[in-house]
Amino acid sequence: MILPIYIYGQPVLRKVAEAIDKDYPNLAELIQNMKDTMYDSDGIGIAAPQVGVSARVVYIDVDPLGDKFPELKDKRLVLINPEITIDETSPTESREEGCLSVPGIHENVTRHTKIHIHYFDENWQEHDEDIDTYLARVIQHECDHLEGHVFTDHISAIRKQMIRNKLNNIIKGKVDCDYRIKAYKPAKRR
């Protein structure tokens, strides 16, 4: 089922997502819904908070980047309870990032190029991997969502100031998207 994408301003995007266990209700359905939603909105990664669920689940499909980055061909991952360790000794690289939850905004974000990740897949198989490709950036971006962060948290104060009006418009739901969104609606005061 295609779900609405929760956009900037939604409280679930600022919450640290909860770890889950094998008994998490309807996990397979959640993962399938995340996939359907991500593909419908032309993304390459999605985290459960982006569909309004505070759970430590990520789905990534970087195959569309396979022409530019051959190592990403046919690369699809389900990350459950991922724990990443950034190799602080690795070089940093600045590249443009965008996000389904921050529509219409793309900014250069500097990230380290190497990480180590420990996670479980959808079959609860445990994985421990070193990642040093563009995939490391995508994983960092998606895992940020599980910690209550979005990519704009990583840009300079002056850049944030320059996009402040766009961010405020997103909070108000004044954004044009080709996919369903769920904007923040504060409770009405009595």
C-alpha atoms as a PDB file:
ATOM      1  CA  MET A   1       0.000   0.000   0.000  1.00  0.00           C
ATOM      2  CA  ILE A   2       1.265   3.450  -0.884  1.00  0.00           C
ATOM      3  CA  LEU A   3       1.368   5.622   2.212  1.00  0.00           C
ATOM      4  CA  PRO A   4       1.743   9.398   2.469  1.00  0.00           C
ATOM      5  CA  ILE A   5       5.261  10.682   3.111  1.00  0.00           C
ATOM      6  CA  TYR A   6       5.522  12.623   6.364  1.00  0.00           C
ATOM      7  CA  ILE A   7       7.210  15.899   5.534  1.00  0.00           C
ATOM      8  CA  TYR A   8       9.413  18.377   7.360  1.00  0.00           C
ATOM      9  CA  GLY A   9       7.664  19.680  10.464  1.00  0.00           C
ATOM     10  CA  GLN A  10       6.056  16.363  11.382  1.00  0.00           C
ATOM     11  CA  PRO A  11       7.053  15.464  14.983  1.00  0.00           C
ATOM     12  CA  VAL A  12       7.784  11.805  14.093  1.00  0.00           C
ATOM     13  CA  LEU A  13      10.731  12.999  11.973  1.00  0.00           C
ATOM     14  CA  ARG A  14      12.370  14.532  15.057  1.00  0.00           C
ATOM     15  CA  LYS A  15      11.896  11.544  17.322  1.00  0.00           C
ATOM     16  CA  VAL A  16      14.489   8.833  17.933  1.00  0.00           C
ATOM     17  CA  ALA A  17      12.873   5.716  16.440  1.00  0.00           C
ATOM     18  CA  GLU A  18      12.345   2.659  18.601  1.00  0.00           C
ATOM     19  CA  ALA A  19      14.276  -0.603  18.170  1.00  0.00           C
ATOM     20  CA  ILE A  20      12.060  -3.529  17.234  1.00  0.00           C
ATOM     21  CA  ASP A  21      12.192  -7.285  17.742  1.00  0.00           C
ATOM     22  CA  LYS A  22      11.104 -10.337  15.755  1.00  0.00           C
ATOM     23  CA  ASP A  23       7.600 -10.061  17.201  1.00  0.00           C
ATOM     24  CA  TYR A  24       7.022  -6.556  15.871  1.00  0.00           C
ATOM     25  CA  PRO A  25       3.446  -6.629  14.535  1.00  0.00           C
ATOM     26  CA  ASN A  26       2.989  -6.591  10.755  1.00  0.00           C
ATOM     27  CA  LEU A  27       6.694  -6.049  10.012  1.00  0.00           C
ATOM     28  CA  ALA A  28       6.498  -7.636   6.542  1.00  0.00           C
ATOM     29  CA  GLU A  29       3.537  -5.393   5.721  1.00  0.00           C
ATOM     30  CA  LEU A  30       5.394  -2.295   6.964  1.00  0.00           C
ATOM     31  CA  ILE A  31       8.419  -3.141   4.810  1.00  0.00           C
ATOM     32  CA  GLN A  32       6.239  -3.763   1.744  1.00  0.00           C
ATOM     33  CA  ASN A  33       4.364  -0.501   2.324  1.00  0.00           C
ATOM     34  CA  MET A  34       7.683   1.351   2.642  1.00  0.00           C
ATOM     35  CA  LYS A  35       8.869  -0.170  -0.648  1.00  0.00           C
ATOM     36  CA  ASP A  36       5.615   0.679  -2.436  1.00  0.00           C
ATOM     37  CA  THR A  37       5.703   4.229  -1.090  1.00  0.00           C
ATOM     38  CA  MET A  38       9.362   4.783  -1.962  1.00  0.00           C
ATOM     39  CA  TYR A  39       8.994   3.465  -5.512  1.00  0.00           C
ATOM     40  CA  ASP A  40       5.839   5.529  -6.043  1.00  0.00           C
ATOM     41  CA  SER A  41       7.722   8.678  -5.033  1.00  0.00           C
ATOM     42  CA  ASP A  42      10.906   7.873  -7.016  1.00  0.00           C
ATOM     43  CA  GLY A  43      13.162   7.598  -3.976  1.00  0.00           C
ATOM     44  CA  ILE A  44      16.217   5.419  -3.398  1.00  0.00           C
ATOM     45  CA  GLY A  45      15.763   5.092   0.357  1.00  0.00           C
ATOM     46  CA  ILE A  46      13.086   5.420   2.989  1.00  0.00           C
ATOM     47  CA  ALA A  47      12.975   5.127   6.761  1.00  0.00           C
ATOM     48  CA  ALA A  48       9.910   4.088   8.764  1.00  0.00           C
ATOM     49  CA  PRO A  49       9.508   7.560  10.371  1.00  0.00           C
ATOM     50  CA  GLN A  50       8.956   8.945   6.868  1.00  0.00           C
ATOM     51  CA  VAL A  51       5.707   6.958   6.734  1.00  0.00           C
ATOM     52  CA  GLY A  52       4.781   7.939  10.287  1.00  0.00           C
ATOM     53  CA  VAL A  53       6.101   4.847  12.090  1.00  0.00           C
ATOM     54  CA  SER A  54       8.655   5.290  14.868  1.00  0.00           C
ATOM     55  CA  ALA A  55      10.525   2.034  14.217  1.00  0.00           C
ATOM     56  CA  ARG A  56      14.163   1.416  13.329  1.00  0.00           C
ATOM     57  CA  VAL A  57      13.518   0.107   9.817  1.00  0.00           C
ATOM     58  CA  VAL A  58      15.047   1.338   6.548  1.00  0.00           C
ATOM     59  CA  TYR A  59      14.636   0.208   2.955  1.00  0.00           C
ATOM     60  CA  ILE A  60      17.230   1.161   0.327  1.00  0.00           C
ATOM     61  CA  ASP A  61      17.322   0.451  -3.404  1.00  0.00           C
ATOM     62  CA  VAL A  62      20.288   2.139  -5.067  1.00  0.00           C
ATOM     63  CA  ASP A  63      20.049   0.135  -8.305  1.00  0.00           C
ATOM     64  CA  PRO A  64      18.863   3.266 -10.208  1.00  0.00           C
ATOM     65  CA  LEU A  65      22.336   4.742  -9.505  1.00  0.00           C
ATOM     66  CA  GLY A  66      24.052   1.678 -10.996  1.00  0.00           C
ATOM     67  CA  ASP A  67      25.003   3.423 -14.240  1.00  0.00           C
ATOM     68  CA  LYS A  68      26.949   6.095 -12.361  1.00  0.00           C
ATOM     69  CA  PHE A  69      28.141   3.803  -9.561  1.00  0.00           C
ATOM     70  CA  PRO A  70      28.465   0.229 -10.954  1.00  0.00           C
ATOM     71  CA  GLU A  71      28.954  -1.252  -7.461  1.00  0.00           C
ATOM     72  CA  LEU A  72      25.356  -0.240  -6.672  1.00  0.00           C
ATOM     73  CA  LYS A  73      23.792  -2.311  -9.465  1.00  0.00           C
ATOM     74  CA  ASP A  74      21.088  -4.602  -8.043  1.00  0.00           C
ATOM     75  CA  LYS A  75      21.788  -3.353  -4.487  1.00  0.00           C
ATOM     76  CA  ARG A  76      18.705  -3.434  -2.277  1.00  0.00           C
ATOM     77  CA  LEU A  77      18.765  -3.571   1.514  1.00  0.00           C
ATOM     78  CA  VAL A  78      16.342  -3.861   4.384  1.00  0.00           C
ATOM     79  CA  LEU A  79      18.008  -2.567   7.538  1.00  0.00           C
ATOM     80  CA  ILE A  80      16.373  -3.416  10.854  1.00  0.00           C
ATOM     81  CA  ASN A  81      17.843  -1.844  13.987  1.00  0.00           C
ATOM     82  CA  PRO A  82      20.887  -0.579  12.077  1.00  0.00           C
ATOM     83  CA  GLU A  83      23.863   0.670  14.052  1.00  0.00           C
ATOM     84  CA  ILE A  84      26.394   2.630  12.077  1.00  0.00           C
ATOM     85  CA  THR A  85      29.868   3.641  13.095  1.00  0.00           C
ATOM     86  CA  ILE A  86      31.375   6.369  10.963  1.00  0.00           C
ATOM     87  CA  ASP A  87      35.057   5.956  10.179  1.00  0.00           C
ATOM     88  CA  GLU A  88      36.170   9.415  11.288  1.00  0.00           C
ATOM     89  CA  THR A  89      39.575   8.807   9.672  1.00  0.00           C
ATOM     90  CA  SER A  90      38.034   8.376   6.220  1.00  0.00           C
ATOM     91  CA  PRO A  91      37.937  11.264   3.772  1.00  0.00           C
ATOM     92  CA  THR A  92      34.874  13.460   3.599  1.00  0.00           C
ATOM     93  CA  GLU A  93      32.988  14.240   0.450  1.00  0.00           C
ATOM     94  CA  SER A  94      30.409  16.920  -0.250  1.00  0.00           C
ATOM     95  CA  ARG A  95      27.535  15.903  -2.517  1.00  0.00           C
ATOM     96  CA  GLU A  96      24.052  17.141  -3.186  1.00  0.00           C
ATOM     97  CA  GLU A  97      21.314  15.406  -1.214  1.00  0.00           C
ATOM     98  CA  GLY A  98      17.563  15.598  -1.317  1.00  0.00           C
ATOM     99  CA  CYS A  99      14.864  13.863   0.685  1.00  0.00           C
ATOM    100  CA  LEU A 100      11.289  12.727   0.172  1.00  0.00           C
ATOM    101  CA  SER A 101      10.451  14.391   3.511  1.00  0.00           C
ATOM    102  CA  VAL A 102      12.014  17.706   2.474  1.00  0.00           C
ATOM    103  CA  PRO A 103      10.559  18.097  -1.035  1.00  0.00           C
ATOM    104  CA  GLY A 104      11.987  20.655  -3.411  1.00  0.00           C
ATOM    105  CA  ILE A 105      15.196  21.255  -1.467  1.00  0.00           C
ATOM    106  CA  HIS A 106      18.612  19.931  -2.464  1.00  0.00           C
ATOM    107  CA  GLU A 107      21.767  20.938  -0.630  1.00  0.00           C
ATOM    108  CA  ASN A 108      25.390  19.843  -0.502  1.00  0.00           C
ATOM    109  CA  VAL A 109      26.075  17.716   2.555  1.00  0.00           C
ATOM    110  CA  THR A 110      29.535  16.690   3.701  1.00  0.00           C
ATOM    111  CA  ARG A 111      29.787  13.121   4.962  1.00  0.00           C
ATOM    112  CA  HIS A 112      32.547  10.620   5.655  1.00  0.00           C
ATOM    113  CA  THR A 113      33.037   8.074   2.889  1.00  0.00           C
ATOM    114  CA  LYS A 114      33.438   4.960   5.070  1.00  0.00           C
ATOM    115  CA  ILE A 115      31.165   3.399   7.655  1.00  0.00           C
ATOM    116  CA  HIS A 116      30.681   0.139   9.476  1.00  0.00           C
ATOM    117  CA  ILE A 117      27.121  -1.115   9.810  1.00  0.00           C
ATOM    118  CA  HIS A 118      25.541  -3.797  11.948  1.00  0.00           C
ATOM    119  CA  TYR A 119      21.917  -4.667  11.195  1.00  0.00           C
ATOM    120  CA  PHE A 120      19.342  -7.391  10.693  1.00  0.00           C
ATOM    121  CA  ASP A 121      17.642  -7.976   7.356  1.00  0.00           C
ATOM    122  CA  GLU A 122      13.961  -8.804   6.826  1.00  0.00           C
ATOM    123  CA  ASN A 123      14.680 -12.480   7.604  1.00  0.00           C
ATOM    124  CA  TRP A 124      16.409 -11.514  10.865  1.00  0.00           C
ATOM    125  CA  GLN A 125      19.786 -12.527   9.492  1.00  0.00           C
ATOM    126  CA  GLU A 126      22.526 -10.543  11.202  1.00  0.00           C
ATOM    127  CA  HIS A 127      24.981  -8.521   9.089  1.00  0.00           C
ATOM    128  CA  ASP A 128      28.240  -6.745   9.900  1.00  0.00           C
ATOM    129  CA  GLU A 129      29.681  -4.826   6.965  1.00  0.00           C
ATOM    130  CA  ASP A 130      32.185  -2.152   6.056  1.00  0.00           C
ATOM    131  CA  ILE A 131      30.784   0.163   3.389  1.00  0.00           C
ATOM    132  CA  ASP A 132      32.923   2.628   1.441  1.00  0.00           C
ATOM    133  CA  THR A 133      30.893   3.513  -1.617  1.00  0.00           C
ATOM    134  CA  TYR A 134      28.113   5.967  -2.365  1.00  0.00           C
ATOM    135  CA  LEU A 135      25.998   3.495  -0.430  1.00  0.00           C
ATOM    136  CA  ALA A 136      27.702   4.756   2.751  1.00  0.00           C
ATOM    137  CA  ARG A 137      26.164   8.198   2.111  1.00  0.00           C
ATOM    138  CA  VAL A 138      22.707   6.762   1.487  1.00  0.00           C
ATOM    139  CA  ILE A 139      22.867   4.646   4.644  1.00  0.00           C
ATOM    140  CA  GLN A 140      23.992   7.640   6.727  1.00  0.00           C
ATOM    141  CA  HIS A 141      21.153   9.738   5.282  1.00  0.00           C
ATOM    142  CA  GLU A 142      18.496   7.117   6.023  1.00  0.00           C
ATOM    143  CA  CYS A 143      19.859   6.248   9.472  1.00  0.00           C
ATOM    144  CA  ASP A 144      19.758   9.967  10.329  1.00  0.00           C
ATOM    145  CA  HIS A 145      15.951   9.647  10.110  1.00  0.00           C
ATOM    146  CA  LEU A 146      16.069   6.982  12.828  1.00  0.00           C
ATOM    147  CA  GLU A 147      17.889   9.452  15.087  1.00  0.00           C
ATOM    148  CA  GLY A 148      15.413  12.281  14.487  1.00  0.00           C
ATOM    149  CA  HIS A 149      17.556  14.156  11.948  1.00  0.00           C
ATOM    150  CA  VAL A 150      17.100  15.288   8.357  1.00  0.00           C
ATOM    151  CA  PHE A 151      19.820  16.194   5.875  1.00  0.00           C
ATOM    152  CA  THR A 152      19.298  19.933   6.338  1.00  0.00           C
ATOM    153  CA  ASP A 153      20.639  19.502   9.888  1.00  0.00           C
ATOM    154  CA  HIS A 154      24.058  18.967   8.266  1.00  0.00           C
ATOM    155  CA  ILE A 155      24.239  22.195   6.279  1.00  0.00           C
ATOM    156  CA  SER A 156      25.784  25.460   7.379  1.00  0.00           C
ATOM    157  CA  ALA A 157      23.842  28.052   9.338  1.00  0.00           C
ATOM    158  CA  ILE A 158      24.001  30.474   6.419  1.00  0.00           C
ATOM    159  CA  ARG A 159      22.542  27.864   4.019  1.00  0.00           C
ATOM    160  CA  LYS A 160      19.790  27.118   6.548  1.00  0.00           C
ATOM    161  CA  GLN A 161      18.992  30.806   6.694  1.00  0.00           C
ATOM    162  CA  MET A 162      18.829  30.935   2.905  1.00  0.00           C
ATOM    163  CA  ILE A 163      16.288  28.082   2.722  1.00  0.00           C
ATOM    164  CA  ARG A 164      14.318  29.053   5.834  1.00  0.00           C
ATOM    165  CA  ASN A 165      11.295  30.279   3.854  1.00  0.00           C
ATOM    166  CA  LYS A 166      11.178  27.056   1.840  1.00  0.00           C
ATOM    167  CA  LEU A 167      11.338  24.994   5.053  1.00  0.00           C
ATOM    168  CA  ASN A 168       8.579  27.104   6.617  1.00  0.00           C
ATOM    169  CA  ASN A 169       6.423  26.544   3.533  1.00  0.00           C
ATOM    170  CA  ILE A 170       6.975  22.799   3.789  1.00  0.00           C
ATOM    171  CA  ILE A 171       5.913  22.914   7.450  1.00  0.00           C
ATOM    172  CA  LYS A 172       2.731  24.702   6.346  1.00  0.00           C
ATOM    173  CA  GLY A 173       2.127  22.098   3.628  1.00  0.00           C
ATOM    174  CA  LYS A 174       2.708  24.664   0.879  1.00  0.00           C
ATOM    175  CA  VAL A 175       4.730  22.383  -1.350  1.00  0.00           C
ATOM    176  CA  ASP A 176       4.187  20.817  -4.753  1.00  0.00           C
ATOM    177  CA  CYS A 177       4.856  17.061  -4.836  1.00  0.00           C
ATOM    178  CA  ASP A 178       4.172  14.262  -7.273  1.00  0.00           C
ATOM    179  CA  TYR A 179       3.428  11.967  -4.329  1.00  0.00           C
ATOM    180  CA  ARG A 180       1.094  11.957  -1.343  1.00  0.00           C
ATOM    181  CA  ILE A 181       2.335  13.868   1.685  1.00  0.00           C
ATOM    182  CA  LYS A 182       1.253  14.362   5.254  1.00  0.00           C
ATOM    183  CA  ALA A 183       2.056  17.839   6.487  1.00  0.00           C
ATOM    184  CA  TYR A 184       2.088  18.932  10.114  1.00  0.00           C
ATOM    185  CA  LYS A 185      -1.224  20.265  11.354  1.00  0.00           C
ATOM    186  CA  PRO A 186      -1.023  21.660  14.870  1.00  0.00           C
ATOM    187  CA  ALA A 187      -4.024  21.086  17.117  1.00  0.00           C
ATOM    188  CA  LYS A 188      -6.505  23.953  17.047  1.00  0.00           C
ATOM    189  CA  ARG A 189      -6.586  26.059  20.185  1.00  0.00           C
ATOM    190  CA  ARG A 190      -9.849  26.515  21.948  1.00  0.00           C
END
